[in-house]
Amino acid sequence: MLPNYPEVRKLISEHQMRQFHSARSESLGPLSDLREDRVHEGHRSGIIREDGSLDELEFKKIEVTRTFKIDEMTNWSEKQVREYYEDVAKEVARKQSHLTYQKLGETVAKVGNEITETGPPTAETILNALNKMWLEFNDDGTHVPLTFVTSPEMKPAWDAAFRQLDEDPALRKRHNELLEAKRLQWRERESSRKLVG
């Protein structure tokens, strides 16, 4: 009978899960920067909005299935095991991204912050989007950078819109005025927070 070596098996399993989470995080792209909270019990969660409304977050199950013959897996190399975990992690990330962007789209539409544009994006598109957003600022008043997510096909059009915003003096002036108005709104929000003691 072969020895079990439970500690070695545990070490290998932990290493494989680290590989999985690393590949998943890399595949999530900008979503990997979002905070993750573990929910230890219950079947739903929610966010109480500033207006007092409750936005319930229903849990969604993500499944990734692979079928193998046992005798195939017993001869896998370390490279094949790594590729398996990376492949599964990428599919989990793809499904998580789809659900997240779907929920974001529903929420943005629900609160009335959806922008509908015909044609490629322009500097006006960016200004309209910024105008509808709550922007955050650092303690020193500098703007917290935003992340724009787009498809690879649309990236050149968005790059051109941002260049237009930066190069056109009138548009740049409007952009700076908008940021200053948002900075004042942020200061008012920060100063009106109630301290809990």
C-alpha atoms as a PDB file:
ATOM      1  CA  MET A   1       0.000   0.000   0.000  1.00  0.00           C
ATOM      2  CA  LEU A   2       1.325   3.468  -0.935  1.00  0.00           C
ATOM      3  CA  PRO A   3       1.670   6.107   1.805  1.00  0.00           C
ATOM      4  CA  ASN A   4      -0.929   8.910   1.819  1.00  0.00           C
ATOM      5  CA  TYR A   5       1.298  11.922   2.636  1.00  0.00           C
ATOM      6  CA  PRO A   6      -1.610  14.242   3.644  1.00  0.00           C
ATOM      7  CA  GLU A   7       0.665  17.241   4.292  1.00  0.00           C
ATOM      8  CA  VAL A   8       2.258  16.980   0.854  1.00  0.00           C
ATOM      9  CA  ARG A   9      -1.169  16.632  -0.778  1.00  0.00           C
ATOM     10  CA  LYS A  10      -2.395  19.695   1.128  1.00  0.00           C
ATOM     11  CA  LEU A  11       0.675  21.691   0.015  1.00  0.00           C
ATOM     12  CA  ILE A  12       0.134  20.701  -3.633  1.00  0.00           C
ATOM     13  CA  SER A  13      -3.563  21.541  -3.426  1.00  0.00           C
ATOM     14  CA  GLU A  14      -2.836  24.983  -1.940  1.00  0.00           C
ATOM     15  CA  HIS A  15      -0.260  25.639  -4.659  1.00  0.00           C
ATOM     16  CA  GLN A  16      -2.753  24.669  -7.373  1.00  0.00           C
ATOM     17  CA  MET A  17      -5.433  26.928  -5.877  1.00  0.00           C
ATOM     18  CA  ARG A  18      -2.956  29.830  -5.813  1.00  0.00           C
ATOM     19  CA  GLN A  19      -2.334  29.193  -9.512  1.00  0.00           C
ATOM     20  CA  PHE A  20      -6.097  29.160 -10.111  1.00  0.00           C
ATOM     21  CA  HIS A  21      -6.704  32.449  -8.251  1.00  0.00           C
ATOM     22  CA  SER A  22      -3.732  34.126  -9.933  1.00  0.00           C
ATOM     23  CA  ALA A  23      -4.950  33.139 -13.420  1.00  0.00           C
ATOM     24  CA  ARG A  24      -8.522  34.165 -12.536  1.00  0.00           C
ATOM     25  CA  SER A  25      -7.395  37.566 -11.242  1.00  0.00           C
ATOM     26  CA  GLU A  26      -5.313  38.196 -14.353  1.00  0.00           C
ATOM     27  CA  SER A  27      -8.235  37.241 -16.602  1.00  0.00           C
ATOM     28  CA  LEU A  28     -10.666  39.529 -14.737  1.00  0.00           C
ATOM     29  CA  GLY A  29      -8.683  42.583 -15.831  1.00  0.00           C
ATOM     30  CA  PRO A  30      -9.923  45.795 -14.156  1.00  0.00           C
ATOM     31  CA  LEU A  31     -12.545  43.850 -12.194  1.00  0.00           C
ATOM     32  CA  SER A  32      -9.748  42.233 -10.194  1.00  0.00           C
ATOM     33  CA  ASP A  33      -9.260  45.592  -8.427  1.00  0.00           C
ATOM     34  CA  LEU A  34     -12.770  45.436  -6.952  1.00  0.00           C
ATOM     35  CA  ARG A  35     -13.050  44.536  -3.290  1.00  0.00           C
ATOM     36  CA  GLU A  36     -14.317  41.042  -2.586  1.00  0.00           C
ATOM     37  CA  ASP A  37     -16.247  40.265   0.584  1.00  0.00           C
ATOM     38  CA  ARG A  38     -16.961  36.766   1.821  1.00  0.00           C
ATOM     39  CA  VAL A  39     -20.546  36.089   2.816  1.00  0.00           C
ATOM     40  CA  HIS A  40     -20.518  33.287   5.348  1.00  0.00           C
ATOM     41  CA  GLU A  41     -24.257  32.717   5.536  1.00  0.00           C
ATOM     42  CA  GLY A  42     -27.475  33.652   3.801  1.00  0.00           C
ATOM     43  CA  HIS A  43     -28.544  33.518   0.181  1.00  0.00           C
ATOM     44  CA  ARG A  44     -28.597  37.198  -0.773  1.00  0.00           C
ATOM     45  CA  SER A  45     -27.077  40.565  -0.002  1.00  0.00           C
ATOM     46  CA  GLY A  46     -27.917  44.189  -0.710  1.00  0.00           C
ATOM     47  CA  ILE A  47     -26.781  47.782  -0.954  1.00  0.00           C
ATOM     48  CA  ILE A  48     -28.664  50.613   0.709  1.00  0.00           C
ATOM     49  CA  ARG A  49     -28.446  53.572  -1.662  1.00  0.00           C
ATOM     50  CA  GLU A  50     -28.088  57.179  -0.528  1.00  0.00           C
ATOM     51  CA  ASP A  51     -31.806  57.794  -1.153  1.00  0.00           C
ATOM     52  CA  GLY A  52     -32.633  54.926   1.239  1.00  0.00           C
ATOM     53  CA  SER A  53     -33.666  52.441  -1.456  1.00  0.00           C
ATOM     54  CA  LEU A  54     -32.476  48.852  -1.199  1.00  0.00           C
ATOM     55  CA  ASP A  55     -30.777  47.254  -4.166  1.00  0.00           C
ATOM     56  CA  GLU A  56     -30.830  43.504  -3.553  1.00  0.00           C
ATOM     57  CA  LEU A  57     -27.968  41.457  -4.916  1.00  0.00           C
ATOM     58  CA  GLU A  58     -29.064  37.949  -5.679  1.00  0.00           C
ATOM     59  CA  PHE A  59     -26.295  35.364  -5.585  1.00  0.00           C
ATOM     60  CA  LYS A  60     -25.512  33.707  -8.884  1.00  0.00           C
ATOM     61  CA  LYS A  61     -23.890  30.329  -9.252  1.00  0.00           C
ATOM     62  CA  ILE A  62     -20.996  29.955 -11.658  1.00  0.00           C
ATOM     63  CA  GLU A  63     -20.190  26.474 -12.898  1.00  0.00           C
ATOM     64  CA  VAL A  64     -17.350  25.266 -15.062  1.00  0.00           C
ATOM     65  CA  THR A  65     -17.399  21.619 -16.104  1.00  0.00           C
ATOM     66  CA  ARG A  66     -14.664  19.480 -17.589  1.00  0.00           C
ATOM     67  CA  THR A  67     -14.850  15.742 -18.313  1.00  0.00           C
ATOM     68  CA  PHE A  68     -11.776  13.502 -18.301  1.00  0.00           C
ATOM     69  CA  LYS A  69     -11.015   9.841 -18.087  1.00  0.00           C
ATOM     70  CA  ILE A  70      -9.198   8.942 -14.851  1.00  0.00           C
ATOM     71  CA  ASP A  71      -6.453   7.068 -16.685  1.00  0.00           C
ATOM     72  CA  GLU A  72      -5.738  10.216 -18.763  1.00  0.00           C
ATOM     73  CA  MET A  73      -5.308  12.384 -15.669  1.00  0.00           C
ATOM     74  CA  THR A  74      -3.010   9.984 -13.833  1.00  0.00           C
ATOM     75  CA  ASN A  75      -0.333  10.583 -16.455  1.00  0.00           C
ATOM     76  CA  TRP A  76      -0.640  14.371 -16.594  1.00  0.00           C
ATOM     77  CA  SER A  77       2.557  16.369 -16.367  1.00  0.00           C
ATOM     78  CA  GLU A  78       2.872  19.374 -14.073  1.00  0.00           C
ATOM     79  CA  LYS A  79       2.449  21.568 -17.169  1.00  0.00           C
ATOM     80  CA  GLN A  80      -0.866  19.876 -18.036  1.00  0.00           C
ATOM     81  CA  VAL A  81      -2.131  20.339 -14.467  1.00  0.00           C
ATOM     82  CA  ARG A  82      -1.171  24.034 -14.575  1.00  0.00           C
ATOM     83  CA  GLU A  83      -2.874  24.474 -17.960  1.00  0.00           C
ATOM     84  CA  TYR A  84      -6.012  22.799 -16.596  1.00  0.00           C
ATOM     85  CA  TYR A  85      -6.255  25.232 -13.656  1.00  0.00           C
ATOM     86  CA  GLU A  86      -5.529  28.218 -15.899  1.00  0.00           C
ATOM     87  CA  ASP A  87      -8.178  27.134 -18.416  1.00  0.00           C
ATOM     88  CA  VAL A  88     -10.831  26.706 -15.715  1.00  0.00           C
ATOM     89  CA  ALA A  89      -9.824  30.000 -14.051  1.00  0.00           C
ATOM     90  CA  LYS A  90     -10.176  31.887 -17.334  1.00  0.00           C
ATOM     91  CA  GLU A  91     -13.664  30.506 -17.893  1.00  0.00           C
ATOM     92  CA  VAL A  92     -14.704  31.356 -14.318  1.00  0.00           C
ATOM     93  CA  ALA A  93     -13.364  34.910 -14.848  1.00  0.00           C
ATOM     94  CA  ARG A  94     -15.220  35.225 -18.156  1.00  0.00           C
ATOM     95  CA  LYS A  95     -18.499  34.185 -16.531  1.00  0.00           C
ATOM     96  CA  GLN A  96     -17.904  36.470 -13.523  1.00  0.00           C
ATOM     97  CA  SER A  97     -17.128  39.399 -15.838  1.00  0.00           C
ATOM     98  CA  HIS A  98     -20.295  38.784 -17.850  1.00  0.00           C
ATOM     99  CA  LEU A  99     -22.466  38.742 -14.705  1.00  0.00           C
ATOM    100  CA  THR A 100     -20.752  41.820 -13.260  1.00  0.00           C
ATOM    101  CA  TYR A 101     -21.095  43.940 -16.389  1.00  0.00           C
ATOM    102  CA  GLN A 102     -24.685  42.782 -16.809  1.00  0.00           C
ATOM    103  CA  LYS A 103     -25.502  43.878 -13.238  1.00  0.00           C
ATOM    104  CA  LEU A 104     -23.671  47.192 -13.722  1.00  0.00           C
ATOM    105  CA  GLY A 105     -25.671  47.851 -16.885  1.00  0.00           C
ATOM    106  CA  GLU A 106     -28.966  47.095 -15.126  1.00  0.00           C
ATOM    107  CA  THR A 107     -28.066  49.306 -12.159  1.00  0.00           C
ATOM    108  CA  VAL A 108     -26.918  52.229 -14.311  1.00  0.00           C
ATOM    109  CA  ALA A 109     -30.138  52.061 -16.339  1.00  0.00           C
ATOM    110  CA  LYS A 110     -32.254  51.776 -13.163  1.00  0.00           C
ATOM    111  CA  VAL A 111     -30.845  54.951 -11.595  1.00  0.00           C
ATOM    112  CA  GLY A 112     -31.047  56.893 -14.878  1.00  0.00           C
ATOM    113  CA  ASN A 113     -27.332  57.265 -15.570  1.00  0.00           C
ATOM    114  CA  GLU A 114     -27.391  55.438 -18.879  1.00  0.00           C
ATOM    115  CA  ILE A 115     -26.045  57.332 -21.887  1.00  0.00           C
ATOM    116  CA  THR A 116     -27.124  56.369 -25.380  1.00  0.00           C
ATOM    117  CA  GLU A 117     -24.914  57.550 -28.218  1.00  0.00           C
ATOM    118  CA  THR A 118     -25.165  56.927 -31.930  1.00  0.00           C
ATOM    119  CA  GLY A 119     -21.881  56.626 -33.744  1.00  0.00           C
ATOM    120  CA  PRO A 120     -18.390  56.468 -32.286  1.00  0.00           C
ATOM    121  CA  PRO A 121     -17.619  58.076 -28.913  1.00  0.00           C
ATOM    122  CA  THR A 122     -16.447  61.682 -28.837  1.00  0.00           C
ATOM    123  CA  ALA A 123     -15.119  64.075 -26.221  1.00  0.00           C
ATOM    124  CA  GLU A 124     -18.777  65.074 -25.634  1.00  0.00           C
ATOM    125  CA  THR A 125     -19.539  61.427 -24.798  1.00  0.00           C
ATOM    126  CA  ILE A 126     -16.836  61.492 -22.120  1.00  0.00           C
ATOM    127  CA  LEU A 127     -18.054  64.817 -20.679  1.00  0.00           C
ATOM    128  CA  ASN A 128     -21.658  63.521 -20.580  1.00  0.00           C
ATOM    129  CA  ALA A 129     -20.525  60.362 -18.786  1.00  0.00           C
ATOM    130  CA  LEU A 130     -18.416  62.272 -16.243  1.00  0.00           C
ATOM    131  CA  ASN A 131     -21.299  64.655 -15.596  1.00  0.00           C
ATOM    132  CA  LYS A 132     -23.546  61.762 -14.521  1.00  0.00           C
ATOM    133  CA  MET A 133     -20.957  60.169 -12.234  1.00  0.00           C
ATOM    134  CA  TRP A 134     -19.965  60.668  -8.638  1.00  0.00           C
ATOM    135  CA  LEU A 135     -16.250  61.252  -8.804  1.00  0.00           C
ATOM    136  CA  GLU A 136     -13.890  60.571  -5.932  1.00  0.00           C
ATOM    137  CA  PHE A 137     -10.866  62.626  -4.974  1.00  0.00           C
ATOM    138  CA  ASN A 138      -7.836  62.037  -2.788  1.00  0.00           C
ATOM    139  CA  ASP A 139      -7.324  63.960   0.449  1.00  0.00           C
ATOM    140  CA  ASP A 140      -5.066  66.397  -1.390  1.00  0.00           C
ATOM    141  CA  GLY A 141      -7.870  67.153  -3.872  1.00  0.00           C
ATOM    142  CA  THR A 142      -6.405  65.250  -6.811  1.00  0.00           C
ATOM    143  CA  HIS A 143      -8.803  63.216  -8.892  1.00  0.00           C
ATOM    144  CA  VAL A 144      -8.906  59.454  -8.336  1.00  0.00           C
ATOM    145  CA  PRO A 145      -8.229  57.953 -11.794  1.00  0.00           C
ATOM    146  CA  LEU A 146     -11.118  56.212 -13.526  1.00  0.00           C
ATOM    147  CA  THR A 147     -11.000  52.964 -15.471  1.00  0.00           C
ATOM    148  CA  PHE A 148     -12.778  52.848 -18.804  1.00  0.00           C
ATOM    149  CA  VAL A 149     -13.606  49.359 -20.045  1.00  0.00           C
ATOM    150  CA  THR A 150     -14.208  48.834 -23.732  1.00  0.00           C
ATOM    151  CA  SER A 151     -13.891  46.172 -26.375  1.00  0.00           C
ATOM    152  CA  PRO A 152     -10.600  45.945 -28.299  1.00  0.00           C
ATOM    153  CA  GLU A 153     -12.467  47.016 -31.457  1.00  0.00           C
ATOM    154  CA  MET A 154     -13.686  50.251 -29.813  1.00  0.00           C
ATOM    155  CA  LYS A 155     -10.375  51.171 -28.146  1.00  0.00           C
ATOM    156  CA  PRO A 156      -9.055  53.299 -31.084  1.00  0.00           C
ATOM    157  CA  ALA A 157     -12.305  55.331 -31.119  1.00  0.00           C
ATOM    158  CA  TRP A 158     -12.108  55.937 -27.352  1.00  0.00           C
ATOM    159  CA  ASP A 159      -8.418  56.857 -27.612  1.00  0.00           C
ATOM    160  CA  ALA A 160      -9.336  59.429 -30.278  1.00  0.00           C
ATOM    161  CA  ALA A 161     -12.111  60.845 -28.057  1.00  0.00           C
ATOM    162  CA  PHE A 162      -9.704  61.248 -25.122  1.00  0.00           C
ATOM    163  CA  ARG A 163      -7.134  62.905 -27.410  1.00  0.00           C
ATOM    164  CA  GLN A 164      -9.838  65.286 -28.638  1.00  0.00           C
ATOM    165  CA  LEU A 165     -10.695  66.145 -25.028  1.00  0.00           C
ATOM    166  CA  ASP A 166      -7.043  66.801 -24.237  1.00  0.00           C
ATOM    167  CA  GLU A 167      -6.073  68.711 -27.400  1.00  0.00           C
ATOM    168  CA  ASP A 168      -9.085  70.986 -27.921  1.00  0.00           C
ATOM    169  CA  PRO A 169      -8.679  74.030 -25.605  1.00  0.00           C
ATOM    170  CA  ALA A 170     -12.439  74.682 -25.298  1.00  0.00           C
ATOM    171  CA  LEU A 171     -13.179  71.037 -24.456  1.00  0.00           C
ATOM    172  CA  ARG A 172     -10.239  70.884 -22.031  1.00  0.00           C
ATOM    173  CA  LYS A 173     -11.577  74.003 -20.277  1.00  0.00           C
ATOM    174  CA  ARG A 174     -15.050  72.426 -19.937  1.00  0.00           C
ATOM    175  CA  HIS A 175     -13.417  69.241 -18.626  1.00  0.00           C
ATOM    176  CA  ASN A 176     -11.455  71.163 -15.982  1.00  0.00           C
ATOM    177  CA  GLU A 177     -14.569  73.123 -14.943  1.00  0.00           C
ATOM    178  CA  LEU A 178     -16.524  69.881 -14.648  1.00  0.00           C
ATOM    179  CA  LEU A 179     -13.793  68.313 -12.500  1.00  0.00           C
ATOM    180  CA  GLU A 180     -13.758  71.385 -10.255  1.00  0.00           C
ATOM    181  CA  ALA A 181     -17.560  71.175  -9.815  1.00  0.00           C
ATOM    182  CA  LYS A 182     -17.237  67.479  -9.004  1.00  0.00           C
ATOM    183  CA  ARG A 183     -14.450  68.274  -6.513  1.00  0.00           C
ATOM    184  CA  LEU A 184     -16.765  70.736  -4.717  1.00  0.00           C
ATOM    185  CA  GLN A 185     -19.552  68.102  -4.640  1.00  0.00           C
ATOM    186  CA  TRP A 186     -17.073  65.601  -3.189  1.00  0.00           C
ATOM    187  CA  ARG A 187     -16.008  68.083  -0.480  1.00  0.00           C
ATOM    188  CA  GLU A 188     -19.644  68.699   0.455  1.00  0.00           C
ATOM    189  CA  ARG A 189     -20.286  64.942   0.657  1.00  0.00           C
ATOM    190  CA  GLU A 190     -17.196  64.425   2.800  1.00  0.00           C
ATOM    191  CA  SER A 191     -18.011  67.293   5.164  1.00  0.00           C
ATOM    192  CA  SER A 192     -21.632  66.163   5.609  1.00  0.00           C
ATOM    193  CA  ARG A 193     -20.709  62.626   6.628  1.00  0.00           C
ATOM    194  CA  LYS A 194     -21.880  61.791  10.124  1.00  0.00           C
ATOM    195  CA  LEU A 195     -19.186  60.535  12.427  1.00  0.00           C
ATOM    196  CA  VAL A 196     -20.083  57.407  14.361  1.00  0.00           C
ATOM    197  CA  GLY A 197     -18.514  57.337  17.819  1.00  0.00           C
END
